[in-house]
Amino acid sequence: AHAKISRRSFFSRHARENMSQEGGFAPPGATTLMFRNIPRRYTNRLLLREIELVAGASSVDMVFLPWDGDVRNMGYAFVNFVTSEFASAARRGMDGKPWRFSGVPKLVKTVVARLQGLLPNLVQLREMIVRVPGQPVYPLVILGGKVVGYAEALRSIELDKGGSLESRQRRPPQRPARAEGESGVPQVQPRATSAAAGPHGARA
């Protein structure tokens, strides 16, 4: 069993473990950013609204903004963008600037997340939902222009990619097909079968 840990400590550790190096430009192909200094009254939807004002509509497919109980958020969020171009646009347009929907004098801070991509983040959050103290904290997921439930989103993405991430990792590698006669075993010509042949000799 996991040792008991406070909700605040759990998410603080999650933030540290998933944050990459401070500063610098996003590496090519990066789609997941960590937003910091978020006003404590912001919700997933309000954060999404502010980001889309800069990066454009339908630019985001996941927002994970954990909350410390029902009163305030933890001050950080992980956001996955549909493309790396959207992520770069959001970072250029928001980093170091004040939040639009808050009177609190805080500036937006963005860093590139260590874990990249929608599916890897959803899989990690599945493990967190089981371990986190208190009520489960689910991400906001947008697929095909509409908000979908976490379980539905995970199932849909895994099916699109050919099965769950775990099943693909357990799947044994496929051996390349051998050319005829390559095995070194003498090739025997099959005997002709009659029209009344059984199921093992059925004709096409």
N, C-alpha and C. Protein backbone atom coordinates (compact mmCIF):
# COMPACT_ATOMS: atom_id res chain seq x y z
N ALA A 1 0.84 -1.20 0.00
CA ALA A 1 0.00 0.00 0.00
C ALA A 1 0.87 1.24 0.00
N HIS A 2 0.40 2.31 -0.63
CA HIS A 2 1.15 3.54 -0.68
C HIS A 2 1.06 4.26 0.66
N ALA A 3 2.17 4.87 1.08
CA ALA A 3 2.16 5.62 2.33
C ALA A 3 1.25 6.83 2.17
N LYS A 4 0.59 7.21 3.27
CA LYS A 4 -0.32 8.34 3.21
C LYS A 4 0.47 9.62 3.00
N ILE A 5 -0.04 10.48 2.15
CA ILE A 5 0.62 11.74 1.84
C ILE A 5 -0.46 12.78 1.61
N SER A 6 -0.19 14.02 2.03
CA SER A 6 -1.21 15.05 1.87
C SER A 6 -1.41 15.36 0.40
N ARG A 7 -2.59 15.87 0.10
CA ARG A 7 -2.92 16.23 -1.28
C ARG A 7 -1.96 17.28 -1.81
N ARG A 8 -1.63 18.29 -0.99
CA ARG A 8 -0.72 19.34 -1.43
C ARG A 8 0.67 18.79 -1.70
N SER A 9 1.16 17.92 -0.82
CA SER A 9 2.49 17.34 -1.01
C SER A 9 2.54 16.48 -2.26
N PHE A 10 1.45 15.73 -2.50
CA PHE A 10 1.39 14.85 -3.66
C PHE A 10 1.52 15.65 -4.94
N PHE A 11 0.73 16.71 -5.08
CA PHE A 11 0.75 17.48 -6.32
C PHE A 11 2.02 18.33 -6.45
N SER A 12 2.58 18.76 -5.33
CA SER A 12 3.84 19.51 -5.39
C SER A 12 4.94 18.61 -5.94
N ARG A 13 4.96 17.37 -5.51
CA ARG A 13 5.95 16.42 -6.03
C ARG A 13 5.70 16.13 -7.50
N HIS A 14 4.43 15.99 -7.87
CA HIS A 14 4.07 15.76 -9.27
C HIS A 14 4.59 16.89 -10.15
N ALA A 15 4.45 18.13 -9.68
CA ALA A 15 4.92 19.29 -10.45
C ALA A 15 6.43 19.25 -10.62
N ARG A 16 7.14 18.96 -9.56
CA ARG A 16 8.61 18.93 -9.64
C ARG A 16 9.09 17.83 -10.57
N GLU A 17 8.47 16.67 -10.49
CA GLU A 17 8.93 15.54 -11.30
C GLU A 17 8.65 15.72 -12.78
N ASN A 18 7.64 16.49 -13.12
CA ASN A 18 7.25 16.63 -14.53
C ASN A 18 7.69 17.93 -15.17
N MET A 19 8.39 18.75 -14.43
CA MET A 19 8.87 20.02 -14.98
C MET A 19 10.27 19.82 -15.55
N SER A 20 10.49 20.31 -16.75
CA SER A 20 11.81 20.19 -17.36
C SER A 20 12.65 21.40 -16.96
N GLN A 21 13.72 21.61 -17.68
CA GLN A 21 14.61 22.73 -17.36
C GLN A 21 13.90 24.07 -17.50
N GLU A 22 14.24 25.00 -16.63
CA GLU A 22 13.68 26.35 -16.70
C GLU A 22 14.19 27.06 -17.96
N GLY A 23 13.34 27.89 -18.53
CA GLY A 23 13.75 28.73 -19.64
C GLY A 23 14.04 27.95 -20.91
N GLY A 24 14.61 28.66 -21.88
CA GLY A 24 14.95 28.01 -23.14
C GLY A 24 13.75 27.87 -24.05
N PHE A 25 14.03 27.54 -25.28
CA PHE A 25 12.95 27.35 -26.26
C PHE A 25 12.47 25.91 -26.23
N ALA A 26 11.22 25.73 -26.62
CA ALA A 26 10.66 24.38 -26.66
C ALA A 26 11.38 23.57 -27.72
N PRO A 27 11.74 22.32 -27.41
CA PRO A 27 12.38 21.49 -28.44
C PRO A 27 11.43 21.22 -29.58
N PRO A 28 11.96 20.90 -30.75
CA PRO A 28 11.08 20.62 -31.90
C PRO A 28 10.08 19.52 -31.58
N GLY A 29 8.84 19.77 -31.91
CA GLY A 29 7.80 18.77 -31.67
C GLY A 29 7.17 18.80 -30.30
N ALA A 30 7.63 19.65 -29.40
CA ALA A 30 7.06 19.70 -28.04
C ALA A 30 5.63 20.24 -28.09
N THR A 31 4.71 19.52 -27.44
CA THR A 31 3.31 19.95 -27.42
C THR A 31 2.78 20.17 -26.01
N THR A 32 3.50 19.73 -24.99
CA THR A 32 3.02 19.83 -23.61
C THR A 32 3.81 20.88 -22.84
N LEU A 33 3.10 21.85 -22.29
CA LEU A 33 3.72 22.91 -21.49
C LEU A 33 3.18 22.88 -20.07
N MET A 34 4.01 23.35 -19.16
CA MET A 34 3.58 23.54 -17.77
C MET A 34 3.40 25.04 -17.56
N PHE A 35 2.22 25.43 -17.09
CA PHE A 35 1.93 26.83 -16.76
C PHE A 35 2.03 27.00 -15.25
N ARG A 36 2.73 28.05 -14.84
CA ARG A 36 2.92 28.31 -13.41
C ARG A 36 2.40 29.71 -13.06
N ASN A 37 2.34 29.96 -11.75
CA ASN A 37 1.83 31.24 -11.24
C ASN A 37 0.37 31.48 -11.61
N ILE A 38 -0.39 30.42 -11.75
CA ILE A 38 -1.80 30.56 -12.14
C ILE A 38 -2.60 31.11 -10.95
N PRO A 39 -3.44 32.12 -11.17
CA PRO A 39 -4.30 32.62 -10.08
C PRO A 39 -5.10 31.49 -9.47
N ARG A 40 -5.20 31.47 -8.16
CA ARG A 40 -5.75 30.32 -7.45
C ARG A 40 -7.24 30.10 -7.69
N ARG A 41 -7.94 31.08 -8.24
CA ARG A 41 -9.37 30.90 -8.51
C ARG A 41 -9.64 30.42 -9.94
N TYR A 42 -8.60 30.30 -10.74
CA TYR A 42 -8.79 29.85 -12.11
C TYR A 42 -9.27 28.40 -12.13
N THR A 43 -10.13 28.09 -13.10
CA THR A 43 -10.57 26.72 -13.33
C THR A 43 -9.97 26.22 -14.64
N ASN A 44 -10.17 24.93 -14.91
CA ASN A 44 -9.72 24.36 -16.18
C ASN A 44 -10.26 25.16 -17.37
N ARG A 45 -11.55 25.45 -17.32
CA ARG A 45 -12.19 26.12 -18.46
C ARG A 45 -11.74 27.56 -18.61
N LEU A 46 -11.52 28.25 -17.50
CA LEU A 46 -11.07 29.64 -17.60
C LEU A 46 -9.64 29.68 -18.14
N LEU A 47 -8.81 28.76 -17.69
CA LEU A 47 -7.44 28.69 -18.21
C LEU A 47 -7.46 28.37 -19.70
N LEU A 48 -8.30 27.43 -20.10
CA LEU A 48 -8.42 27.09 -21.52
C LEU A 48 -8.86 28.31 -22.33
N ARG A 49 -9.81 29.05 -21.81
CA ARG A 49 -10.30 30.24 -22.53
C ARG A 49 -9.17 31.25 -22.74
N GLU A 50 -8.37 31.48 -21.72
CA GLU A 50 -7.28 32.45 -21.85
C GLU A 50 -6.23 31.98 -22.85
N ILE A 51 -5.89 30.71 -22.80
CA ILE A 51 -4.89 30.18 -23.72
C ILE A 51 -5.37 30.27 -25.17
N GLU A 52 -6.64 29.94 -25.40
CA GLU A 52 -7.16 29.96 -26.77
C GLU A 52 -7.29 31.37 -27.33
N LEU A 53 -7.38 32.37 -26.47
CA LEU A 53 -7.37 33.76 -26.95
C LEU A 53 -6.04 34.11 -27.60
N VAL A 54 -4.99 33.40 -27.17
CA VAL A 54 -3.65 33.67 -27.70
C VAL A 54 -3.27 32.67 -28.79
N ALA A 55 -3.45 31.38 -28.50
CA ALA A 55 -2.99 30.34 -29.43
C ALA A 55 -4.02 30.02 -30.51
N GLY A 56 -5.28 30.38 -30.28
CA GLY A 56 -6.32 30.11 -31.25
C GLY A 56 -7.30 29.06 -30.78
N ALA A 57 -8.51 29.09 -31.33
CA ALA A 57 -9.54 28.12 -30.97
C ALA A 57 -9.11 26.71 -31.38
N SER A 58 -9.52 25.73 -30.60
CA SER A 58 -9.22 24.32 -30.87
C SER A 58 -7.73 24.04 -30.91
N SER A 59 -6.94 24.82 -30.17
CA SER A 59 -5.50 24.60 -30.15
C SER A 59 -5.06 23.65 -29.04
N VAL A 60 -5.96 23.37 -28.09
CA VAL A 60 -5.62 22.57 -26.91
C VAL A 60 -6.49 21.33 -26.86
N ASP A 61 -5.90 20.19 -26.46
CA ASP A 61 -6.71 18.99 -26.27
C ASP A 61 -6.67 18.45 -24.84
N MET A 62 -5.87 19.06 -23.95
CA MET A 62 -5.88 18.65 -22.55
C MET A 62 -5.43 19.77 -21.63
N VAL A 63 -6.17 19.96 -20.54
CA VAL A 63 -5.77 20.88 -19.47
C VAL A 63 -5.89 20.13 -18.15
N PHE A 64 -4.79 20.04 -17.43
CA PHE A 64 -4.82 19.41 -16.11
C PHE A 64 -4.40 20.45 -15.07
N LEU A 65 -5.37 20.94 -14.34
CA LEU A 65 -5.16 21.97 -13.31
C LEU A 65 -5.62 21.39 -11.97
N PRO A 66 -4.71 20.81 -11.20
CA PRO A 66 -5.12 20.17 -9.94
C PRO A 66 -5.57 21.20 -8.89
N TRP A 67 -6.50 20.76 -8.07
CA TRP A 67 -7.06 21.63 -7.03
C TRP A 67 -6.71 21.10 -5.64
N ASP A 68 -6.51 22.04 -4.72
CA ASP A 68 -6.26 21.73 -3.32
C ASP A 68 -7.60 21.79 -2.60
N GLY A 69 -8.37 20.72 -2.67
CA GLY A 69 -9.72 20.74 -2.14
C GLY A 69 -10.66 21.45 -3.09
N ASP A 70 -11.69 22.10 -2.55
CA ASP A 70 -12.69 22.77 -3.38
C ASP A 70 -12.52 24.28 -3.41
N VAL A 71 -11.45 24.77 -2.81
CA VAL A 71 -11.32 26.22 -2.63
C VAL A 71 -10.42 26.87 -3.67
N ARG A 72 -9.28 26.28 -3.96
CA ARG A 72 -8.33 26.91 -4.87
C ARG A 72 -7.49 25.85 -5.57
N ASN A 73 -6.94 26.26 -6.72
CA ASN A 73 -6.08 25.33 -7.45
C ASN A 73 -4.66 25.36 -6.87
N MET A 74 -3.82 24.49 -7.40
CA MET A 74 -2.45 24.37 -6.89
C MET A 74 -1.48 25.36 -7.52
N GLY A 75 -1.95 26.21 -8.43
CA GLY A 75 -1.09 27.23 -9.00
C GLY A 75 -0.29 26.80 -10.22
N TYR A 76 -0.51 25.58 -10.68
CA TYR A 76 0.19 25.13 -11.90
C TYR A 76 -0.75 24.24 -12.70
N ALA A 77 -0.43 24.08 -13.98
CA ALA A 77 -1.23 23.21 -14.85
C ALA A 77 -0.36 22.66 -15.95
N PHE A 78 -0.72 21.47 -16.43
CA PHE A 78 -0.10 20.89 -17.61
C PHE A 78 -1.10 20.97 -18.75
N VAL A 79 -0.66 21.52 -19.86
CA VAL A 79 -1.53 21.75 -21.01
C VAL A 79 -0.89 21.11 -22.23
N ASN A 80 -1.66 20.27 -22.93
CA ASN A 80 -1.17 19.69 -24.17
C ASN A 80 -1.85 20.35 -25.36
N PHE A 81 -1.04 20.74 -26.32
CA PHE A 81 -1.55 21.41 -27.53
C PHE A 81 -1.65 20.41 -28.67
N VAL A 82 -2.52 20.71 -29.60
CA VAL A 82 -2.75 19.83 -30.74
C VAL A 82 -1.50 19.72 -31.60
N THR A 83 -0.77 20.82 -31.74
CA THR A 83 0.49 20.83 -32.50
C THR A 83 1.54 21.62 -31.74
N SER A 84 2.79 21.41 -32.10
CA SER A 84 3.87 22.16 -31.48
C SER A 84 3.82 23.64 -31.86
N GLU A 85 3.25 23.94 -33.03
CA GLU A 85 3.11 25.35 -33.44
C GLU A 85 2.17 26.09 -32.50
N PHE A 86 1.08 25.45 -32.09
CA PHE A 86 0.17 26.06 -31.12
C PHE A 86 0.87 26.28 -29.79
N ALA A 87 1.66 25.30 -29.36
CA ALA A 87 2.38 25.42 -28.09
C ALA A 87 3.36 26.60 -28.13
N SER A 88 4.07 26.72 -29.23
CA SER A 88 5.03 27.83 -29.37
C SER A 88 4.32 29.17 -29.39
N ALA A 89 3.17 29.24 -30.05
CA ALA A 89 2.41 30.49 -30.11
C ALA A 89 1.93 30.91 -28.72
N ALA A 90 1.46 29.94 -27.95
CA ALA A 90 1.00 30.23 -26.59
C ALA A 90 2.16 30.71 -25.73
N ARG A 91 3.29 30.09 -25.88
CA ARG A 91 4.44 30.47 -25.05
C ARG A 91 4.93 31.87 -25.41
N ARG A 92 5.00 32.16 -26.69
CA ARG A 92 5.45 33.50 -27.12
C ARG A 92 4.47 34.58 -26.67
N GLY A 93 3.17 34.27 -26.75
CA GLY A 93 2.17 35.29 -26.46
C GLY A 93 1.81 35.46 -25.00
N MET A 94 2.21 34.50 -24.14
CA MET A 94 1.78 34.56 -22.75
C MET A 94 2.90 34.66 -21.74
N ASP A 95 4.04 34.07 -22.02
CA ASP A 95 5.11 34.00 -21.02
C ASP A 95 5.56 35.40 -20.59
N GLY A 96 5.58 35.61 -19.27
CA GLY A 96 6.03 36.89 -18.72
C GLY A 96 4.99 37.99 -18.73
N LYS A 97 3.78 37.67 -19.16
CA LYS A 97 2.72 38.68 -19.23
C LYS A 97 1.67 38.41 -18.15
N PRO A 98 0.90 39.44 -17.75
CA PRO A 98 -0.10 39.24 -16.69
C PRO A 98 -1.27 38.41 -17.17
N TRP A 99 -1.92 37.74 -16.23
CA TRP A 99 -3.12 36.98 -16.55
C TRP A 99 -4.27 37.93 -16.87
N ARG A 100 -5.04 37.59 -17.87
CA ARG A 100 -6.10 38.48 -18.35
C ARG A 100 -7.31 38.55 -17.43
N PHE A 101 -7.66 37.44 -16.80
CA PHE A 101 -8.91 37.37 -16.05
C PHE A 101 -8.71 37.39 -14.54
N SER A 102 -7.66 38.06 -14.10
CA SER A 102 -7.39 38.13 -12.66
C SER A 102 -6.79 39.48 -12.32
N GLY A 103 -7.20 39.99 -11.16
CA GLY A 103 -6.62 41.25 -10.69
C GLY A 103 -5.36 41.03 -9.88
N VAL A 104 -4.98 39.76 -9.69
CA VAL A 104 -3.78 39.44 -8.92
C VAL A 104 -2.54 39.76 -9.76
N PRO A 105 -1.57 40.48 -9.19
CA PRO A 105 -0.37 40.85 -9.97
C PRO A 105 0.59 39.68 -10.15
N LYS A 106 0.17 38.71 -10.92
CA LYS A 106 1.02 37.56 -11.22
C LYS A 106 1.30 37.53 -12.71
N LEU A 107 2.50 37.07 -13.06
CA LEU A 107 2.88 36.94 -14.46
C LEU A 107 2.89 35.47 -14.87
N VAL A 108 2.48 35.22 -16.09
CA VAL A 108 2.46 33.86 -16.62
C VAL A 108 3.89 33.33 -16.72
N LYS A 109 4.08 32.11 -16.29
CA LYS A 109 5.37 31.44 -16.43
C LYS A 109 5.13 30.11 -17.11
N THR A 110 5.83 29.84 -18.21
CA THR A 110 5.69 28.57 -18.91
C THR A 110 7.04 27.87 -19.02
N VAL A 111 7.01 26.57 -18.88
CA VAL A 111 8.20 25.74 -19.11
C VAL A 111 7.76 24.51 -19.89
N VAL A 112 8.68 23.89 -20.58
CA VAL A 112 8.38 22.68 -21.33
C VAL A 112 8.26 21.51 -20.35
N ALA A 113 7.20 20.75 -20.47
CA ALA A 113 6.99 19.60 -19.58
C ALA A 113 7.94 18.47 -19.94
N ARG A 114 8.31 17.70 -18.95
CA ARG A 114 9.17 16.54 -19.20
C ARG A 114 8.43 15.47 -19.98
N LEU A 115 7.17 15.21 -19.58
CA LEU A 115 6.36 14.21 -20.27
C LEU A 115 5.60 14.89 -21.40
N GLN A 116 5.78 14.40 -22.62
CA GLN A 116 5.21 15.04 -23.79
C GLN A 116 4.13 14.16 -24.43
N GLY A 117 3.07 14.82 -24.92
CA GLY A 117 2.04 14.13 -25.67
C GLY A 117 0.78 13.86 -24.87
N LEU A 118 -0.34 13.78 -25.58
CA LEU A 118 -1.63 13.58 -24.92
C LEU A 118 -1.75 12.22 -24.26
N LEU A 119 -1.49 11.14 -25.00
CA LEU A 119 -1.66 9.81 -24.44
C LEU A 119 -0.74 9.54 -23.25
N PRO A 120 0.58 9.83 -23.34
CA PRO A 120 1.43 9.59 -22.16
C PRO A 120 0.95 10.35 -20.92
N ASN A 121 0.46 11.57 -21.10
CA ASN A 121 -0.04 12.33 -19.95
C ASN A 121 -1.31 11.72 -19.38
N LEU A 122 -2.21 11.27 -20.23
CA LEU A 122 -3.44 10.65 -19.75
C LEU A 122 -3.15 9.35 -19.02
N VAL A 123 -2.19 8.57 -19.52
CA VAL A 123 -1.84 7.31 -18.85
C VAL A 123 -1.24 7.60 -17.48
N GLN A 124 -0.36 8.59 -17.40
CA GLN A 124 0.22 8.94 -16.10
C GLN A 124 -0.86 9.40 -15.12
N LEU A 125 -1.81 10.19 -15.62
CA LEU A 125 -2.88 10.68 -14.75
C LEU A 125 -3.77 9.54 -14.27
N ARG A 126 -3.91 8.50 -15.07
CA ARG A 126 -4.70 7.34 -14.63
C ARG A 126 -4.09 6.74 -13.38
N GLU A 127 -2.76 6.66 -13.32
CA GLU A 127 -2.09 6.13 -12.15
C GLU A 127 -2.23 7.10 -10.97
N MET A 128 -2.19 8.38 -11.25
CA MET A 128 -2.30 9.38 -10.18
C MET A 128 -3.69 9.38 -9.55
N ILE A 129 -4.72 9.21 -10.38
CA ILE A 129 -6.09 9.26 -9.88
C ILE A 129 -6.31 8.19 -8.81
N VAL A 130 -5.64 7.05 -8.96
CA VAL A 130 -5.77 5.98 -7.99
C VAL A 130 -5.05 6.34 -6.68
N ARG A 131 -3.94 7.06 -6.78
CA ARG A 131 -3.09 7.30 -5.62
C ARG A 131 -3.37 8.60 -4.88
N VAL A 132 -3.92 9.58 -5.55
CA VAL A 132 -4.06 10.90 -4.93
C VAL A 132 -5.08 10.86 -3.79
N PRO A 133 -4.77 11.50 -2.66
CA PRO A 133 -5.71 11.53 -1.54
C PRO A 133 -6.94 12.37 -1.89
N GLY A 134 -8.06 12.05 -1.27
CA GLY A 134 -9.27 12.84 -1.47
C GLY A 134 -9.98 12.49 -2.77
N GLN A 135 -10.78 13.43 -3.24
CA GLN A 135 -11.56 13.21 -4.46
C GLN A 135 -10.66 13.15 -5.69
N PRO A 136 -11.01 12.31 -6.67
CA PRO A 136 -10.20 12.25 -7.90
C PRO A 136 -10.16 13.60 -8.61
N VAL A 137 -9.03 13.88 -9.24
CA VAL A 137 -8.86 15.11 -10.01
C VAL A 137 -8.68 14.73 -11.46
N TYR A 138 -9.64 15.09 -12.30
CA TYR A 138 -9.60 14.70 -13.71
C TYR A 138 -9.19 15.86 -14.60
N PRO A 139 -8.51 15.56 -15.70
CA PRO A 139 -8.16 16.62 -16.65
C PRO A 139 -9.36 16.99 -17.52
N LEU A 140 -9.28 18.16 -18.11
CA LEU A 140 -10.26 18.57 -19.12
C LEU A 140 -9.70 18.11 -20.46
N VAL A 141 -10.44 17.27 -21.18
CA VAL A 141 -9.98 16.73 -22.45
C VAL A 141 -10.94 17.13 -23.55
N ILE A 142 -10.39 17.63 -24.66
CA ILE A 142 -11.20 18.08 -25.79
C ILE A 142 -10.79 17.27 -27.02
N LEU A 143 -11.72 16.50 -27.56
CA LEU A 143 -11.47 15.71 -28.76
C LEU A 143 -12.54 16.02 -29.79
N GLY A 144 -12.12 16.27 -31.01
CA GLY A 144 -13.08 16.56 -32.07
C GLY A 144 -13.92 17.79 -31.79
N GLY A 145 -13.34 18.75 -31.08
CA GLY A 145 -14.05 20.00 -30.81
C GLY A 145 -15.02 19.97 -29.66
N LYS A 146 -15.08 18.85 -28.91
CA LYS A 146 -15.99 18.80 -27.77
C LYS A 146 -15.30 18.19 -26.55
N VAL A 147 -15.78 18.59 -25.39
CA VAL A 147 -15.23 18.08 -24.13
C VAL A 147 -15.75 16.66 -23.92
N VAL A 148 -14.85 15.74 -23.61
CA VAL A 148 -15.23 14.35 -23.38
C VAL A 148 -14.72 13.91 -22.01
N GLY A 149 -15.35 12.89 -21.46
CA GLY A 149 -14.93 12.36 -20.17
C GLY A 149 -13.54 11.75 -20.26
N TYR A 150 -12.86 11.71 -19.11
CA TYR A 150 -11.49 11.21 -19.07
C TYR A 150 -11.41 9.76 -19.57
N ALA A 151 -12.26 8.88 -19.02
CA ALA A 151 -12.21 7.48 -19.41
C ALA A 151 -12.51 7.30 -20.90
N GLU A 152 -13.48 8.04 -21.40
CA GLU A 152 -13.83 7.95 -22.82
C GLU A 152 -12.67 8.42 -23.70
N ALA A 153 -12.02 9.51 -23.27
CA ALA A 153 -10.90 10.04 -24.05
C ALA A 153 -9.75 9.04 -24.10
N LEU A 154 -9.42 8.46 -22.97
CA LEU A 154 -8.32 7.50 -22.92
C LEU A 154 -8.62 6.29 -23.78
N ARG A 155 -9.83 5.79 -23.69
CA ARG A 155 -10.22 4.62 -24.49
C ARG A 155 -10.19 4.93 -25.98
N SER A 156 -10.68 6.09 -26.36
CA SER A 156 -10.72 6.48 -27.77
C SER A 156 -9.33 6.63 -28.36
N ILE A 157 -8.43 7.25 -27.62
CA ILE A 157 -7.07 7.48 -28.13
C ILE A 157 -6.32 6.16 -28.23
N GLU A 158 -6.47 5.30 -27.23
CA GLU A 158 -5.78 4.01 -27.26
C GLU A 158 -6.26 3.17 -28.44
N LEU A 159 -7.56 3.20 -28.72
CA LEU A 159 -8.09 2.44 -29.87
C LEU A 159 -7.55 2.99 -31.18
N ASP A 160 -7.45 4.31 -31.29
CA ASP A 160 -6.93 4.93 -32.50
C ASP A 160 -5.49 4.54 -32.75
N LYS A 161 -4.75 4.28 -31.65
CA LYS A 161 -3.33 3.96 -31.78
C LYS A 161 -3.08 2.46 -31.75
N GLY A 162 -4.12 1.67 -31.86
CA GLY A 162 -3.94 0.23 -31.97
C GLY A 162 -3.81 -0.50 -30.66
N GLY A 163 -4.64 -0.18 -29.68
CA GLY A 163 -4.61 -0.87 -28.40
C GLY A 163 -3.98 -0.01 -27.33
N SER A 164 -4.13 -0.43 -26.08
CA SER A 164 -3.62 0.37 -24.97
C SER A 164 -2.11 0.42 -24.97
N LEU A 165 -1.56 1.44 -24.33
CA LEU A 165 -0.12 1.59 -24.24
C LEU A 165 0.51 0.39 -23.55
N GLU A 166 -0.16 -0.10 -22.48
CA GLU A 166 0.39 -1.22 -21.74
C GLU A 166 0.39 -2.49 -22.59
N SER A 167 -0.70 -2.72 -23.35
CA SER A 167 -0.78 -3.94 -24.16
C SER A 167 0.25 -3.91 -25.27
N ARG A 168 0.51 -2.72 -25.83
CA ARG A 168 1.52 -2.64 -26.89
C ARG A 168 2.90 -2.89 -26.33
N GLN A 169 3.15 -2.47 -25.07
CA GLN A 169 4.45 -2.70 -24.48
C GLN A 169 4.66 -4.18 -24.17
N ARG A 170 3.56 -4.90 -23.86
CA ARG A 170 3.68 -6.33 -23.55
C ARG A 170 3.68 -7.20 -24.80
N ARG A 171 3.26 -6.63 -25.91
CA ARG A 171 3.13 -7.41 -27.14
C ARG A 171 4.50 -7.88 -27.62
N PRO A 172 4.72 -9.21 -27.86
CA PRO A 172 6.03 -9.69 -28.31
C PRO A 172 6.34 -9.17 -29.71
N PRO A 173 7.61 -8.93 -30.00
CA PRO A 173 7.97 -8.45 -31.34
C PRO A 173 7.64 -9.49 -32.40
N GLN A 174 7.21 -9.02 -33.55
CA GLN A 174 6.87 -9.92 -34.64
C GLN A 174 8.13 -10.33 -35.39
N ARG A 175 8.24 -11.64 -35.64
CA ARG A 175 9.37 -12.13 -36.42
C ARG A 175 9.14 -11.84 -37.89
N PRO A 176 10.18 -11.47 -38.61
CA PRO A 176 10.00 -11.25 -40.05
C PRO A 176 9.66 -12.55 -40.74
N ALA A 177 8.80 -12.48 -41.72
CA ALA A 177 8.38 -13.67 -42.46
C ALA A 177 9.56 -14.22 -43.26
N ARG A 178 9.69 -15.54 -43.24
CA ARG A 178 10.77 -16.18 -44.01
C ARG A 178 10.34 -16.39 -45.45
N ALA A 179 11.29 -16.21 -46.32
CA ALA A 179 11.01 -16.52 -47.72
C ALA A 179 10.91 -18.03 -47.88
N GLU A 180 10.22 -18.49 -48.91
CA GLU A 180 10.03 -19.92 -49.13
C GLU A 180 11.37 -20.61 -49.30
N GLY A 181 11.56 -21.67 -48.51
CA GLY A 181 12.81 -22.43 -48.61
C GLY A 181 13.92 -21.84 -47.78
N GLU A 182 13.71 -20.73 -47.07
CA GLU A 182 14.78 -20.07 -46.34
C GLU A 182 15.14 -20.80 -45.06
N SER A 183 14.19 -21.57 -44.50
CA SER A 183 14.42 -22.21 -43.21
C SER A 183 15.43 -23.33 -43.28
N GLY A 184 15.76 -23.81 -44.45
CA GLY A 184 16.70 -24.93 -44.55
C GLY A 184 16.03 -26.27 -44.49
N VAL A 185 14.71 -26.32 -44.24
CA VAL A 185 13.98 -27.58 -44.20
C VAL A 185 13.58 -27.95 -45.62
N PRO A 186 13.82 -29.18 -46.03
CA PRO A 186 13.45 -29.58 -47.41
C PRO A 186 11.98 -29.32 -47.66
N GLN A 187 11.68 -28.75 -48.80
CA GLN A 187 10.32 -28.42 -49.16
C GLN A 187 9.66 -29.63 -49.80
N VAL A 188 8.50 -30.02 -49.27
CA VAL A 188 7.78 -31.18 -49.78
C VAL A 188 6.56 -30.70 -50.52
N GLN A 189 6.37 -31.18 -51.74
CA GLN A 189 5.21 -30.79 -52.51
C GLN A 189 3.97 -31.48 -51.95
N PRO A 190 2.88 -30.73 -51.70
CA PRO A 190 1.66 -31.36 -51.17
C PRO A 190 1.03 -32.28 -52.20
N ARG A 191 0.41 -33.36 -51.69
CA ARG A 191 -0.26 -34.30 -52.58
C ARG A 191 -1.59 -33.72 -53.03
N ALA A 192 -2.00 -34.09 -54.23
CA ALA A 192 -3.29 -33.63 -54.74
C ALA A 192 -4.40 -34.26 -53.92
N THR A 193 -5.46 -33.52 -53.67
CA THR A 193 -6.58 -34.02 -52.89
C THR A 193 -7.80 -34.16 -53.77
N SER A 194 -8.70 -35.03 -53.38
CA SER A 194 -9.89 -35.25 -54.16
C SER A 194 -10.94 -34.23 -53.86
N ALA A 195 -12.01 -34.18 -54.61
CA ALA A 195 -13.07 -33.22 -54.40
C ALA A 195 -13.77 -33.46 -53.09
N ALA A 196 -13.68 -34.68 -52.56
CA ALA A 196 -14.37 -35.01 -51.31
C ALA A 196 -13.45 -34.84 -50.10
N ALA A 197 -12.39 -34.06 -50.26
CA ALA A 197 -11.41 -33.89 -49.17
C ALA A 197 -12.10 -33.29 -47.95
N GLY A 198 -11.54 -33.63 -46.77
CA GLY A 198 -12.08 -33.14 -45.51
C GLY A 198 -11.74 -31.69 -45.30
N PRO A 199 -12.02 -31.17 -44.09
CA PRO A 199 -11.82 -29.76 -43.81
C PRO A 199 -10.39 -29.30 -43.96
N HIS A 200 -9.40 -30.18 -43.67
CA HIS A 200 -7.99 -29.76 -43.79
C HIS A 200 -7.53 -29.70 -45.22
N GLY A 201 -8.30 -30.24 -46.12
CA GLY A 201 -7.93 -30.20 -47.53
C GLY A 201 -9.00 -29.50 -48.36
N ALA A 202 -9.75 -28.68 -47.72
CA ALA A 202 -10.86 -28.02 -48.41
C ALA A 202 -10.34 -27.12 -49.51
N ARG A 203 -11.09 -27.03 -50.56
CA ARG A 203 -10.71 -26.18 -51.68
C ARG A 203 -11.23 -24.77 -51.47
N ALA A 204 -10.55 -23.84 -52.08
CA ALA A 204 -10.99 -22.47 -51.94
C ALA A 204 -12.26 -22.25 -52.71
